[in-house]
Amino acid sequence: MILTNIKYFFLLITTSYHILATLRENKTQQPPGQLIDIGGYHLHLHLYSQGQGSQTVIIDHSLGKR
């Protein structure tokens, strides 16, 4: 019983820390590129080009909102 309570307490502390750290980071650091609206979803578009050849599109998900 005590071990279970310790596990839940540890889970609560680490989750709380992660939420606070994410909120702090969102205030201090902006993602690169511009924010675009695609069908009601706000996505950051960051164009980067280097070298020769055909272009590649990389779609990366984010769990945060802006």
Protein backbone atom coordinates (compact mmCIF):
# COMPACT_ATOMS: atom_id res chain seq x y z
CA MET A 1 0.00 0.00 0.00
CA ILE A 2 2.78 2.45 0.89
CA LEU A 3 4.68 1.55 -2.28
CA THR A 4 1.57 2.27 -4.37
CA ASN A 5 1.14 5.66 -2.70
CA ILE A 6 4.78 6.49 -3.38
CA LYS A 7 4.32 5.59 -7.06
CA TYR A 8 1.25 7.85 -7.36
CA PHE A 9 3.03 10.67 -5.56
CA PHE A 10 6.04 10.36 -7.87
CA LEU A 11 3.72 10.33 -10.90
CA LEU A 12 1.95 13.48 -9.65
CA ILE A 13 5.23 15.33 -9.02
CA THR A 14 6.78 14.45 -12.39
CA THR A 15 3.59 15.27 -14.30
CA SER A 16 3.25 18.60 -12.51
CA TYR A 17 6.86 19.46 -13.27
CA HIS A 18 6.40 18.59 -16.95
CA ILE A 19 3.30 20.80 -17.23
CA LEU A 20 5.02 23.76 -15.57
CA ALA A 21 8.19 23.35 -17.65
CA THR A 22 6.14 23.20 -20.86
CA LEU A 23 4.20 26.36 -19.96
CA ARG A 24 7.44 28.19 -19.17
CA GLU A 25 9.05 27.06 -22.41
CA ASN A 26 6.03 28.12 -24.47
CA LYS A 27 6.33 31.65 -23.06
CA THR A 28 10.06 32.01 -23.71
CA GLN A 29 10.64 30.16 -26.99
CA GLN A 30 8.69 30.53 -30.21
CA PRO A 31 8.88 27.82 -32.87
CA PRO A 32 10.53 28.77 -36.16
CA GLY A 33 8.53 29.65 -39.24
CA GLN A 34 5.07 31.08 -39.59
CA LEU A 35 1.74 29.91 -38.23
CA ILE A 36 -0.71 28.85 -40.96
CA ASP A 37 -4.32 27.70 -40.76
CA ILE A 38 -5.19 24.48 -42.56
CA GLY A 39 -8.81 23.49 -42.13
CA GLY A 40 -9.06 24.90 -38.62
CA TYR A 41 -5.73 23.41 -37.51
CA HIS A 42 -2.88 25.80 -36.78
CA LEU A 43 0.44 24.52 -38.09
CA HIS A 44 3.91 26.01 -38.14
CA LEU A 45 5.49 26.11 -41.57
CA HIS A 46 9.27 26.38 -41.59
CA LEU A 47 10.91 26.41 -45.00
CA TYR A 48 14.51 25.29 -45.20
CA SER A 49 16.38 24.60 -48.40
CA GLN A 50 19.93 23.40 -48.91
CA GLY A 51 21.79 21.60 -51.65
CA GLN A 52 20.49 20.30 -54.96
CA GLY A 53 17.88 17.83 -56.10
CA SER A 54 14.18 17.44 -55.48
CA GLN A 55 12.61 18.87 -52.35
CA THR A 56 11.45 16.73 -49.46
CA VAL A 57 8.47 17.57 -47.25
CA ILE A 58 8.72 16.49 -43.61
CA ILE A 59 5.59 16.62 -41.46
CA ASP A 60 6.31 16.49 -37.75
CA HIS A 61 3.58 16.44 -35.14
CA SER A 62 3.51 18.51 -31.99
CA LEU A 63 1.54 17.96 -28.84
CA GLY A 64 1.53 21.62 -27.91
CA LYS A 65 -0.75 24.46 -29.00
CA ARG A 66 -0.02 28.05 -29.87
